[in-house]
Amino acid sequence: MPSPQFTLPLGRVTRRLVGVLALVAALGTHAADNPDAPDKVFFRSGHIPKLRIEISPSELAKLNKDQRNYVRCTVREGDDFIFSEVGVHLKGAAGSFRPVNDRPALTLNFDKYREKQKFHGLDKIHLNNSVQDTGYLNEYMASVLFNAGGVPALRISHARVWLNGRDLGFYVLKEGFDTQFMRDHFGSKAGTFYDGGFCADIDQRKDRKIGQGTNDQADLKALVAACREPDLVKRAARLEDTLAIDHFLSVVALEMMTAHWDGYARNRNNYRLLTPAGSTKVHFLASGMDQLFGDANFPVFDSMGGMVTSALWQLPQTKQLYRDRVGYLLTNVFTADFLTNETAKVHARVRPMLAEINEGTAKNFDNSTRDLNNRLLARIAGIQKQLGIQPPKPVKPDANGVLKIGKWEPQIDSGETKMTDADRGGVKSLEINLEKPNRVVASWRTRVLLDAGKYRFEGKIATKDVVPIKEPTGEGAGLRISGSSRPNQVSGDNDWKKITFEFEVPGPGTEVMLVCELRAEKGRAWFDLGSLQVVRQN
């Protein structure tokens, strides 16, 4: 399945669609003010810390008595960092809450009792036990998608956690909704921030987490009044004054596209509300995104609940604006290439940590990653179907079960390298050439749409002076499909060597990204164009 395409007719490129592009740019400006800030380096690097949390018997007794209030603890990160007087409390909703003597989800507030103490530049982090996201990937992928789509979302990493010497295993690590988040994404620590509550719409009083002055919640009351305005012309004007409409359309689109059934759009749950300083417009933010992509045909355009959604959808212009937004996101963000590259990236850094726990856990993660990739591709097809986009038909192998591959595109994930079509001894080839030693991950890629079945991707590879990077995804030169790791590898000096990679397509009309890659610190690799092919095995 090629990259989803959704071209908007010129007349439909409305003022609001142009507005969302400006919104994405504006939000990105704040978040990128200082790319070398410790928090940005932490999340960008994918560092997975080992955290040993120690709670004294007296503080543990307080926590057992009142699990939602902070007590003091010490946090050790590896052998190098010790954070004292850190606030800790238990977190989690009905499905994920666990007591402290089990495998609890935790909130750590590093400057609760010690002013200006930070964890990699962060005041507060959450450690989610992932009992509803056993593959550790849903919240990460949601964060990537929402942020890429112009909707600020909490950044996600992972951690290995011990509590009072007891190994709790692997956790999802999230930053907190706090003044730092507000400053990064909205330009100021000032403003008002509310927790949406459990399955509670905006007409129910909210818990204000951040804000100054009288807590009269006038901003929310004004939005409620706008939603209840019976005159649609007046309602449109009042919503324009009280709601960040472009932002809200993107939130709803991304919730529905990710099949986030437990968000505001569908269930009036797992959301936050923020009114930036100097503004009257309420911004919705999504949270609790640990159960996603469960239904490839989850409805994108109907079955929405929520006072704001209902009020906005009754305006005649909204449905087309929303449809345009879904199409824009499907073309520019929710793409197979972007999504499978992200799953491969997080798999490469998470698997070694899970293997330290045990190999069985690591293999389960391999399976979870493959399953998620299949669900993502199926979800793209499901959204295309709802938009009325006719996906291309699967490519059929010839009578011998062989599918020859012709068109390839270069991709450089890291480092500097030269990528060209080349002639090596009379053989037309794809070349990856590290002209100077540096750490490079680069590949030639193409997409094919295949029916269900077992396949073999094969081709000939030659190398010269290749010094491989050893990573879980693969090392040296090799063949694989996106979202997978590969056992094959070619390094050093080799004349043409045939390499194979076996894979399975679970369902009809599934997009597969074929990858000819080099992960190396030095050298050159060639891929024989004439030999690259997919062979059906059943």
Protein backbone atom coordinates (compact mmCIF):
# COMPACT_ATOMS: atom_id res chain seq x y z
CA MET A 1 0.00 0.00 0.00
CA PRO A 2 1.72 3.20 -1.06
CA SER A 3 1.76 6.26 1.19
CA PRO A 4 -1.85 7.30 1.77
CA GLN A 5 -2.72 10.14 -0.58
CA PHE A 6 -5.50 12.62 0.02
CA THR A 7 -5.40 15.67 -2.22
CA LEU A 8 -7.79 18.44 -1.24
CA PRO A 9 -9.53 20.37 -4.00
CA LEU A 10 -8.33 23.96 -3.97
CA GLY A 11 -11.73 25.26 -2.91
CA ARG A 12 -11.61 23.13 0.20
CA VAL A 13 -8.30 24.45 1.46
CA THR A 14 -10.23 26.57 3.91
CA ARG A 15 -9.07 29.27 6.23
CA ARG A 16 -9.15 26.77 9.09
CA LEU A 17 -7.01 24.19 7.28
CA VAL A 18 -4.45 26.89 6.61
CA GLY A 19 -4.87 27.80 10.28
CA VAL A 20 -3.90 24.35 11.49
CA LEU A 21 -0.63 24.57 9.55
CA ALA A 22 0.09 27.86 11.28
CA LEU A 23 -0.87 26.26 14.59
CA VAL A 24 1.57 23.39 14.04
CA ALA A 25 4.33 25.87 13.22
CA ALA A 26 3.55 28.08 16.20
CA LEU A 27 3.42 25.22 18.68
CA GLY A 28 6.61 23.79 17.28
CA THR A 29 8.36 27.12 17.75
CA HIS A 30 7.86 27.10 21.52
CA ALA A 31 8.87 23.46 21.92
CA ALA A 32 12.06 23.98 19.91
CA ASP A 33 13.29 27.20 21.56
CA ASN A 34 16.24 25.41 23.13
CA PRO A 35 16.91 22.05 21.47
CA ASP A 36 19.81 21.38 23.85
CA ALA A 37 17.69 21.71 27.03
CA PRO A 38 18.19 18.63 29.25
CA ASP A 39 14.59 17.44 28.92
CA LYS A 40 14.69 17.63 25.12
CA VAL A 41 18.02 15.80 25.00
CA PHE A 42 16.62 13.12 27.34
CA PHE A 43 13.59 12.31 25.19
CA ARG A 44 15.40 12.76 21.89
CA SER A 45 18.17 10.35 22.90
CA GLY A 46 15.77 7.59 23.92
CA HIS A 47 17.75 7.08 27.13
CA ILE A 48 16.14 4.37 29.31
CA PRO A 49 17.08 5.01 32.95
CA LYS A 50 17.31 2.43 35.70
CA LEU A 51 15.50 3.90 38.69
CA ARG A 52 15.76 2.57 42.23
CA ILE A 53 13.11 4.14 44.45
CA GLU A 54 13.56 3.91 48.21
CA ILE A 55 10.73 4.78 50.63
CA SER A 56 11.45 4.64 54.36
CA PRO A 57 9.14 2.54 56.60
CA SER A 58 7.54 5.65 58.13
CA GLU A 59 6.85 7.25 54.73
CA LEU A 60 5.63 3.90 53.35
CA ALA A 61 3.11 3.71 56.20
CA LYS A 62 1.81 7.16 55.21
CA LEU A 63 1.53 6.08 51.59
CA ASN A 64 -0.40 2.93 52.50
CA LYS A 65 -2.79 5.07 54.54
CA ASP A 66 -3.33 7.69 51.80
CA GLN A 67 -2.10 6.39 48.45
CA ARG A 68 -2.89 9.53 46.41
CA ASN A 69 -0.98 12.02 48.56
CA TYR A 70 2.76 12.63 48.28
CA VAL A 71 5.29 11.12 50.65
CA ARG A 72 9.08 11.49 50.55
CA CYS A 73 11.42 9.07 48.83
CA THR A 74 14.94 8.79 47.42
CA VAL A 75 15.50 7.99 43.74
CA ARG A 76 18.77 6.58 42.45
CA GLU A 77 19.50 6.55 38.73
CA GLY A 78 22.20 3.99 38.04
CA ASP A 79 25.34 4.62 40.04
CA ASP A 80 25.71 8.29 39.16
CA PHE A 81 22.65 10.25 40.31
CA ILE A 82 20.89 10.38 43.66
CA PHE A 83 17.74 12.51 44.09
CA SER A 84 16.66 13.04 47.69
CA GLU A 85 13.42 14.38 49.12
CA VAL A 86 11.44 13.41 46.01
CA GLY A 87 7.65 13.42 46.29
CA VAL A 88 5.97 10.13 45.31
CA HIS A 89 2.37 8.95 45.22
CA LEU A 90 0.43 6.16 43.56
CA LYS A 91 -1.47 6.84 40.35
CA GLY A 92 -3.76 5.05 37.94
CA ALA A 93 -7.46 4.68 37.20
CA ALA A 94 -9.82 1.75 37.63
CA GLY A 95 -8.03 -0.50 35.15
CA SER A 96 -4.40 0.34 35.94
CA PHE A 97 -4.26 1.15 39.68
CA ARG A 98 -2.22 -1.28 41.75
CA PRO A 99 -1.34 -1.04 45.47
CA VAL A 100 2.20 -0.30 46.57
CA ASN A 101 2.93 -3.94 47.46
CA ASP A 102 1.96 -5.02 43.93
CA ARG A 103 3.28 -3.32 40.77
CA PRO A 104 2.08 0.25 41.29
CA ALA A 105 2.01 3.11 38.84
CA LEU A 106 3.83 6.08 40.37
CA THR A 107 4.17 9.83 40.10
CA LEU A 108 7.55 11.31 41.04
CA ASN A 109 7.74 15.06 41.78
CA PHE A 110 11.40 16.01 42.05
CA ASP A 111 10.91 19.58 43.28
CA LYS A 112 8.00 18.86 45.64
CA TYR A 113 10.17 19.15 48.74
CA ARG A 114 13.45 20.33 47.26
CA GLU A 115 13.27 23.51 45.22
CA LYS A 116 14.67 23.42 41.66
CA GLN A 117 15.59 19.73 41.82
CA LYS A 118 15.03 18.23 38.38
CA PHE A 119 15.26 14.87 36.64
CA HIS A 120 16.93 15.47 33.27
CA GLY A 121 15.37 18.92 33.27
CA LEU A 122 11.92 17.67 34.35
CA ASP A 123 10.06 18.65 37.52
CA LYS A 124 7.68 15.70 37.43
CA ILE A 125 7.48 12.28 35.75
CA HIS A 126 4.95 9.46 35.76
CA LEU A 127 5.88 5.79 35.77
CA ASN A 128 3.04 3.78 34.20
CA ASN A 129 2.87 0.07 34.92
CA SER A 130 1.36 -0.58 31.46
CA VAL A 131 -1.07 -3.24 32.65
CA GLN A 132 -3.36 -2.09 29.80
CA ASP A 133 -0.52 -1.58 27.33
CA THR A 134 1.54 -4.73 27.74
CA GLY A 135 3.54 -3.99 24.59
CA TYR A 136 4.76 -0.64 26.05
CA LEU A 137 4.10 1.08 22.70
CA ASN A 138 0.62 2.62 22.61
CA GLU A 139 1.36 5.71 24.69
CA TYR A 140 4.63 6.24 22.88
CA MET A 141 2.99 6.09 19.45
CA ALA A 142 0.15 8.36 20.58
CA SER A 143 2.65 10.93 21.82
CA VAL A 144 4.54 10.86 18.53
CA LEU A 145 1.36 11.16 16.46
CA PHE A 146 -0.30 13.93 18.46
CA ASN A 147 2.85 16.04 18.64
CA ALA A 148 3.54 15.54 14.92
CA GLY A 149 -0.09 16.51 14.23
CA GLY A 150 0.23 19.82 16.07
CA VAL A 151 -1.48 18.76 19.31
CA PRO A 152 0.82 19.00 22.35
CA ALA A 153 1.05 15.66 24.13
CA LEU A 154 3.21 14.34 26.93
CA ARG A 155 6.55 13.02 25.78
CA ILE A 156 7.16 9.33 26.40
CA SER A 157 10.17 7.17 27.17
CA HIS A 158 10.67 4.04 29.27
CA ALA A 159 12.39 2.99 32.49
CA ARG A 160 13.44 -0.05 34.51
CA VAL A 161 12.13 0.35 38.07
CA TRP A 162 12.91 -1.08 41.51
CA LEU A 163 11.00 -0.19 44.69
CA ASN A 164 12.76 -0.81 48.00
CA GLY A 165 14.95 -3.40 46.31
CA ARG A 166 12.03 -5.19 44.63
CA ASP A 167 12.33 -5.42 40.83
CA LEU A 168 9.08 -4.04 39.40
CA GLY A 169 10.21 -4.54 35.82
CA PHE A 170 9.71 -2.33 32.80
CA TYR A 171 7.64 0.88 32.86
CA VAL A 172 6.48 3.61 30.51
CA LEU A 173 7.96 6.96 31.59
CA LYS A 174 5.97 10.14 30.90
CA GLU A 175 6.57 13.78 31.60
CA GLY A 176 3.92 15.58 33.68
CA PHE A 177 1.28 18.12 32.76
CA ASP A 178 2.79 21.09 34.59
CA THR A 179 3.93 24.69 34.12
CA GLN A 180 6.98 23.47 32.22
CA PHE A 181 4.69 21.73 29.71
CA MET A 182 2.63 24.93 29.40
CA ARG A 183 5.72 27.05 28.80
CA ASP A 184 7.16 24.66 26.21
CA HIS A 185 3.99 24.44 24.15
CA PHE A 186 2.10 27.65 24.86
CA GLY A 187 4.90 30.09 25.58
CA SER A 188 4.18 30.85 29.23
CA LYS A 189 3.91 29.13 32.60
CA ALA A 190 0.89 31.30 33.34
CA GLY A 191 -2.59 30.17 32.41
CA THR A 192 -5.22 27.82 33.77
CA PHE A 193 -5.08 24.05 33.64
CA TYR A 194 -7.84 21.59 34.61
CA ASP A 195 -8.20 17.84 34.93
CA GLY A 196 -11.25 16.73 32.92
CA GLY A 197 -12.26 14.13 35.50
CA PHE A 198 -13.63 10.61 35.05
CA CYS A 199 -16.27 10.44 32.29
CA ALA A 200 -17.29 14.00 33.14
CA ASP A 201 -18.20 16.59 30.52
CA ILE A 202 -17.20 20.25 30.69
CA ASP A 203 -20.41 21.30 32.45
CA GLN A 204 -19.21 19.51 35.59
CA ARG A 205 -16.84 21.40 37.89
CA LYS A 206 -13.20 20.62 37.27
CA ASP A 207 -10.20 20.14 39.50
CA ARG A 208 -7.98 23.13 38.72
CA LYS A 209 -4.37 21.96 38.79
CA ILE A 210 -2.68 25.21 37.74
CA GLY A 211 -3.98 28.76 37.93
CA GLN A 212 -4.03 32.01 39.85
CA GLY A 213 -6.82 33.96 41.50
CA THR A 214 -10.41 32.99 42.14
CA ASN A 215 -11.26 29.54 40.85
CA ASP A 216 -14.59 30.56 39.31
CA GLN A 217 -13.90 28.57 36.11
CA ALA A 218 -15.33 31.41 34.04
CA ASP A 219 -13.53 30.18 30.92
CA LEU A 220 -15.27 26.80 31.11
CA LYS A 221 -18.65 28.33 31.92
CA ALA A 222 -18.37 30.58 28.88
CA LEU A 223 -17.62 27.54 26.69
CA VAL A 224 -20.61 25.66 28.15
CA ALA A 225 -22.85 28.66 27.42
CA ALA A 226 -21.54 28.81 23.84
CA CYS A 227 -22.31 25.11 23.33
CA ARG A 228 -25.86 25.62 24.59
CA GLU A 229 -26.56 28.64 22.36
CA PRO A 230 -29.61 27.61 20.26
CA ASP A 231 -29.00 30.07 17.41
CA LEU A 232 -26.35 28.40 15.24
CA VAL A 233 -24.98 31.66 13.83
CA LYS A 234 -24.54 33.06 17.34
CA ARG A 235 -23.18 29.72 18.54
CA ALA A 236 -20.48 29.76 15.87
CA ALA A 237 -19.37 33.24 16.96
CA ARG A 238 -19.40 32.31 20.66
CA LEU A 239 -17.44 29.10 20.05
CA GLU A 240 -14.90 31.11 18.08
CA ASP A 241 -14.35 33.24 21.19
CA THR A 242 -14.25 30.41 23.75
CA LEU A 243 -12.75 27.36 22.01
CA ALA A 244 -9.50 26.79 20.08
CA ILE A 245 -11.49 25.27 17.21
CA ASP A 246 -8.62 24.33 14.88
CA HIS A 247 -6.84 22.68 17.77
CA PHE A 248 -10.00 20.85 18.86
CA LEU A 249 -10.63 19.47 15.37
CA SER A 250 -7.12 18.00 15.36
CA VAL A 251 -7.63 16.48 18.83
CA VAL A 252 -10.86 14.80 17.76
CA ALA A 253 -9.38 13.63 14.44
CA LEU A 254 -6.35 12.05 16.13
CA GLU A 255 -8.42 10.44 18.88
CA MET A 256 -10.68 8.83 16.30
CA MET A 257 -7.86 7.90 13.92
CA THR A 258 -5.95 6.14 16.71
CA ALA A 259 -9.18 4.42 17.83
CA HIS A 260 -8.85 6.08 21.24
CA TRP A 261 -12.31 4.99 22.35
CA ASP A 262 -11.79 6.26 25.91
CA GLY A 263 -11.02 9.89 25.06
CA TYR A 264 -13.16 13.02 25.06
CA ALA A 265 -14.58 12.62 21.55
CA ARG A 266 -16.09 9.20 22.25
CA ASN A 267 -16.38 8.89 26.01
CA ARG A 268 -15.83 12.33 27.64
CA ASN A 269 -12.85 10.84 29.46
CA ASN A 270 -9.05 11.10 29.61
CA TYR A 271 -8.70 14.76 28.74
CA ARG A 272 -7.25 17.97 30.14
CA LEU A 273 -8.30 21.58 29.56
CA LEU A 274 -5.93 24.51 29.24
CA THR A 275 -6.61 28.21 28.77
CA PRO A 276 -3.32 29.97 27.96
CA ALA A 277 -2.39 33.24 29.61
CA GLY A 278 -4.01 36.20 27.86
CA SER A 279 -6.49 34.01 25.97
CA THR A 280 -10.18 33.20 26.39
CA LYS A 281 -9.98 30.04 24.27
CA VAL A 282 -10.02 26.63 25.92
CA HIS A 283 -7.64 24.02 24.48
CA PHE A 284 -8.36 20.30 24.86
CA LEU A 285 -5.45 17.91 25.48
CA ALA A 286 -5.63 14.12 25.27
CA SER A 287 -4.31 11.72 27.91
CA GLY A 288 -4.60 8.11 29.05
CA MET A 289 -3.84 6.76 25.58
CA ASP A 290 -2.85 3.21 26.50
CA GLN A 291 -5.58 1.34 24.59
CA LEU A 292 -5.27 2.24 20.91
CA PHE A 293 -5.50 0.78 17.39
CA GLY A 294 -7.75 -2.05 18.55
CA ASP A 295 -10.24 -1.81 15.69
CA ALA A 296 -9.11 -1.23 12.10
CA ASN A 297 -12.61 -0.02 11.21
CA PHE A 298 -13.21 2.16 14.28
CA PRO A 299 -15.52 4.99 13.07
CA VAL A 300 -13.77 8.24 12.26
CA PHE A 301 -16.84 10.32 11.44
CA ASP A 302 -19.63 9.34 13.83
CA SER A 303 -20.54 7.92 17.25
CA MET A 304 -18.98 10.91 19.00
CA GLY A 305 -20.13 12.05 22.43
CA GLY A 306 -19.32 15.16 24.38
CA MET A 307 -21.02 18.52 24.69
CA VAL A 308 -18.37 20.40 22.71
CA THR A 309 -18.24 17.86 19.90
CA SER A 310 -22.02 17.78 19.56
CA ALA A 311 -22.35 21.56 19.61
CA LEU A 312 -19.60 22.07 17.04
CA TRP A 313 -20.79 19.27 14.74
CA GLN A 314 -24.25 20.87 14.46
CA LEU A 315 -22.68 23.83 12.68
CA PRO A 316 -23.02 23.32 8.90
CA GLN A 317 -19.34 23.97 8.10
CA THR A 318 -17.82 21.65 10.71
CA LYS A 319 -18.17 18.26 9.03
CA GLN A 320 -16.28 19.33 5.93
CA LEU A 321 -13.61 21.07 7.99
CA TYR A 322 -13.21 17.92 10.06
CA ARG A 323 -13.08 15.69 6.99
CA ASP A 324 -10.37 17.92 5.54
CA ARG A 325 -8.45 17.67 8.80
CA VAL A 326 -8.56 13.86 8.78
CA GLY A 327 -7.38 13.87 5.18
CA TYR A 328 -4.53 16.25 5.95
CA LEU A 329 -3.35 14.14 8.90
CA LEU A 330 -3.63 10.90 6.93
CA THR A 331 -1.45 12.31 4.16
CA ASN A 332 1.13 14.15 6.28
CA VAL A 333 1.32 12.36 9.64
CA PHE A 334 -0.60 9.10 9.83
CA THR A 335 1.49 7.36 7.16
CA ALA A 336 2.85 3.83 7.01
CA ASP A 337 6.43 5.02 6.58
CA PHE A 338 6.34 7.39 9.55
CA LEU A 339 4.60 4.95 11.88
CA THR A 340 6.67 1.85 11.13
CA ASN A 341 9.89 3.86 11.36
CA GLU A 342 8.84 4.97 14.85
CA THR A 343 8.04 1.45 16.00
CA ALA A 344 11.41 0.25 14.66
CA LYS A 345 13.19 3.07 16.48
CA VAL A 346 11.63 2.35 19.86
CA HIS A 347 12.02 -1.42 19.39
CA ALA A 348 15.76 -1.02 18.83
CA ARG A 349 16.29 0.73 22.15
CA VAL A 350 13.74 -1.12 24.30
CA ARG A 351 14.53 -4.72 23.39
CA PRO A 352 18.03 -4.86 24.95
CA MET A 353 16.61 -3.63 28.27
CA LEU A 354 13.86 -6.26 28.19
CA ALA A 355 16.41 -8.94 27.32
CA GLU A 356 18.22 -8.04 30.57
CA ILE A 357 15.04 -9.07 32.41
CA ASN A 358 14.74 -12.29 30.39
CA GLU A 359 14.77 -13.35 26.76
CA GLY A 360 11.14 -14.44 26.90
CA THR A 361 10.07 -10.90 27.74
CA ALA A 362 12.17 -9.59 24.85
CA LYS A 363 10.61 -12.07 22.41
CA ASN A 364 7.14 -11.08 23.59
CA PHE A 365 8.08 -7.50 22.76
CA ASP A 366 9.20 -8.61 19.28
CA ASN A 367 5.75 -10.10 18.77
CA SER A 368 4.01 -7.02 20.19
CA THR A 369 5.92 -4.75 17.82
CA ARG A 370 5.04 -6.88 14.79
CA ASP A 371 1.41 -7.00 15.89
CA LEU A 372 1.28 -3.23 16.32
CA ASN A 373 2.76 -2.67 12.87
CA ASN A 374 0.08 -4.89 11.38
CA ARG A 375 -2.64 -3.04 13.29
CA LEU A 376 -1.29 0.33 12.19
CA LEU A 377 -1.30 -0.68 8.55
CA ALA A 378 -4.78 -2.11 8.88
CA ARG A 379 -5.94 1.11 10.55
CA ILE A 380 -4.60 3.22 7.66
CA ALA A 381 -6.57 1.03 5.26
CA GLY A 382 -9.66 1.36 7.46
CA ILE A 383 -9.45 5.16 7.47
CA GLN A 384 -8.89 5.25 3.71
CA LYS A 385 -12.03 3.17 3.26
CA GLN A 386 -14.07 5.59 5.38
CA LEU A 387 -12.72 8.53 3.38
CA GLY A 388 -13.70 6.80 0.16
CA ILE A 389 -10.11 6.43 -0.99
CA GLN A 390 -9.75 3.34 -3.13
CA PRO A 391 -6.55 1.56 -2.09
CA PRO A 392 -4.47 -0.02 -4.82
CA LYS A 393 -4.85 -3.73 -5.39
CA PRO A 394 -2.21 -6.07 -4.02
CA VAL A 395 0.65 -6.85 -6.38
CA LYS A 396 0.47 -10.38 -7.73
CA PRO A 397 3.66 -12.46 -8.05
CA ASP A 398 4.22 -14.21 -11.38
CA ALA A 399 3.42 -17.86 -12.08
CA ASN A 400 6.55 -18.89 -10.18
CA GLY A 401 5.54 -16.84 -7.12
CA VAL A 402 8.23 -14.20 -7.81
CA LEU A 403 7.71 -10.44 -7.60
CA LYS A 404 10.56 -8.34 -9.05
CA ILE A 405 11.18 -4.96 -7.41
CA GLY A 406 12.23 -1.97 -9.48
CA LYS A 407 11.72 1.43 -7.83
CA TRP A 408 13.59 2.28 -4.63
CA GLU A 409 13.87 5.47 -2.54
CA PRO A 410 16.85 6.43 -0.33
CA GLN A 411 16.48 7.19 3.38
CA ILE A 412 19.16 8.35 5.86
CA ASP A 413 18.16 7.93 9.51
CA SER A 414 21.45 9.05 11.03
CA GLY A 415 24.96 10.06 10.00
CA GLU A 416 26.34 11.19 6.66
CA THR A 417 26.53 8.97 3.59
CA LYS A 418 26.28 9.06 -0.19
CA MET A 419 23.42 7.10 -1.75
CA THR A 420 23.36 6.56 -5.53
CA ASP A 421 22.49 4.16 -8.31
CA ALA A 422 25.80 2.55 -9.20
CA ASP A 423 27.44 0.12 -11.59
CA ARG A 424 29.62 -2.41 -9.79
CA GLY A 425 31.49 -4.60 -12.22
CA GLY A 426 28.69 -4.35 -14.77
CA VAL A 427 25.95 -5.01 -12.18
CA LYS A 428 23.34 -2.29 -11.73
CA SER A 429 23.20 -1.64 -8.02
CA LEU A 430 21.96 0.54 -5.17
CA GLU A 431 24.97 1.91 -3.29
CA ILE A 432 25.42 3.23 0.26
CA ASN A 433 28.86 4.79 0.61
CA LEU A 434 30.33 6.15 3.84
CA GLU A 435 32.88 8.46 2.25
CA LYS A 436 34.28 9.22 5.68
CA PRO A 437 33.96 7.14 8.88
CA ASN A 438 30.88 8.05 10.95
CA ARG A 439 27.97 6.26 12.55
CA VAL A 440 25.41 5.72 9.77
CA VAL A 441 22.00 4.09 9.52
CA ALA A 442 20.77 4.37 5.93
CA SER A 443 18.59 2.34 3.59
CA TRP A 444 16.93 1.96 0.22
CA ARG A 445 13.17 1.37 0.59
CA THR A 446 10.10 0.53 -1.40
CA ARG A 447 6.51 -0.43 -0.60
CA VAL A 448 4.56 -3.40 -1.92
CA LEU A 449 0.98 -4.40 -1.25
CA LEU A 450 0.68 -8.14 -0.70
CA ASP A 451 -2.04 -10.68 -0.02
CA ALA A 452 -1.93 -12.90 3.06
CA GLY A 453 0.77 -15.54 2.99
CA LYS A 454 4.38 -16.42 3.72
CA TYR A 455 7.08 -14.63 1.72
CA ARG A 456 10.85 -14.41 1.30
CA PHE A 457 12.62 -11.13 0.50
CA GLU A 458 15.94 -11.89 -1.18
CA GLY A 459 18.81 -10.29 -3.06
CA LYS A 460 22.57 -10.12 -3.47
CA ILE A 461 24.78 -7.81 -1.39
CA ALA A 462 28.45 -6.86 -1.78
CA THR A 463 30.50 -4.90 0.76
CA LYS A 464 33.90 -3.23 1.12
CA ASP A 465 35.54 -2.30 4.44
CA VAL A 466 32.21 -2.41 6.32
CA VAL A 467 32.59 -2.03 10.08
CA PRO A 468 29.12 -2.85 11.44
CA ILE A 469 27.10 -1.09 14.12
CA LYS A 470 25.72 -3.81 16.36
CA GLU A 471 22.08 -3.07 17.16
CA PRO A 472 19.01 -5.24 17.89
CA THR A 473 17.40 -4.19 14.59
CA GLY A 474 20.42 -5.44 12.66
CA GLU A 475 24.10 -4.87 11.94
CA GLY A 476 26.16 -4.26 8.85
CA ALA A 477 24.38 -4.61 5.51
CA GLY A 478 21.23 -6.65 5.18
CA LEU A 479 17.62 -7.09 4.11
CA ARG A 480 14.47 -6.87 6.20
CA ILE A 481 10.98 -5.36 6.25
CA SER A 482 10.18 -2.18 8.17
CA GLY A 483 9.23 -2.73 11.78
CA SER A 484 11.27 -5.92 12.11
CA SER A 485 14.77 -6.91 13.15
CA ARG A 486 16.98 -9.07 10.94
CA PRO A 487 19.36 -11.95 11.68
CA ASN A 488 21.17 -11.56 8.33
CA GLN A 489 24.23 -9.35 8.03
CA VAL A 490 27.14 -8.75 5.65
CA SER A 491 30.25 -6.88 6.80
CA GLY A 492 33.94 -6.60 5.99
CA ASP A 493 34.87 -7.33 2.32
CA ASN A 494 32.51 -9.54 0.34
CA ASP A 495 31.73 -10.18 -3.30
CA TRP A 496 28.09 -10.77 -4.18
CA LYS A 497 26.41 -12.75 -1.43
CA LYS A 498 22.78 -13.89 -1.50
CA ILE A 499 20.77 -12.83 1.55
CA THR A 500 17.19 -13.83 2.46
CA PHE A 501 14.64 -12.55 4.95
CA GLU A 502 11.42 -14.48 5.60
CA PHE A 503 8.20 -12.79 6.73
CA GLU A 504 4.48 -13.38 6.92
CA VAL A 505 1.63 -11.15 5.74
CA PRO A 506 -1.36 -11.62 8.09
CA GLY A 507 -4.19 -10.28 5.94
CA PRO A 508 -5.16 -9.32 2.39
CA GLY A 509 -4.07 -5.98 1.02
CA THR A 510 -1.30 -5.41 3.58
CA GLU A 511 1.42 -2.88 2.90
CA VAL A 512 4.97 -4.09 3.42
CA MET A 513 8.01 -1.80 3.38
CA LEU A 514 11.07 -3.59 1.99
CA VAL A 515 14.39 -2.34 3.38
CA CYS A 516 17.93 -2.73 1.99
CA GLU A 517 20.02 -1.18 4.73
CA LEU A 518 23.48 -0.50 6.08
CA ARG A 519 24.22 0.06 9.76
CA ALA A 520 27.93 0.79 9.92
CA GLU A 521 30.72 3.06 11.11
CA LYS A 522 32.74 2.65 7.92
CA GLY A 523 32.57 1.15 4.43
CA ARG A 524 30.40 0.72 1.33
CA ALA A 525 27.55 -1.62 0.45
CA TRP A 526 25.93 -2.51 -2.89
CA PHE A 527 22.56 -4.17 -3.49
CA ASP A 528 22.16 -5.93 -6.85
CA LEU A 529 19.01 -4.41 -8.40
CA GLY A 530 18.34 -7.36 -10.65
CA SER A 531 18.39 -9.83 -7.76
CA LEU A 532 16.05 -7.98 -5.39
CA GLN A 533 12.73 -9.80 -5.32
CA VAL A 534 9.93 -11.14 -3.13
CA VAL A 535 9.09 -14.83 -3.41
CA ARG A 536 5.81 -16.27 -2.19
CA GLN A 537 6.33 -19.52 -0.28
CA ASN A 538 2.78 -20.83 0.03
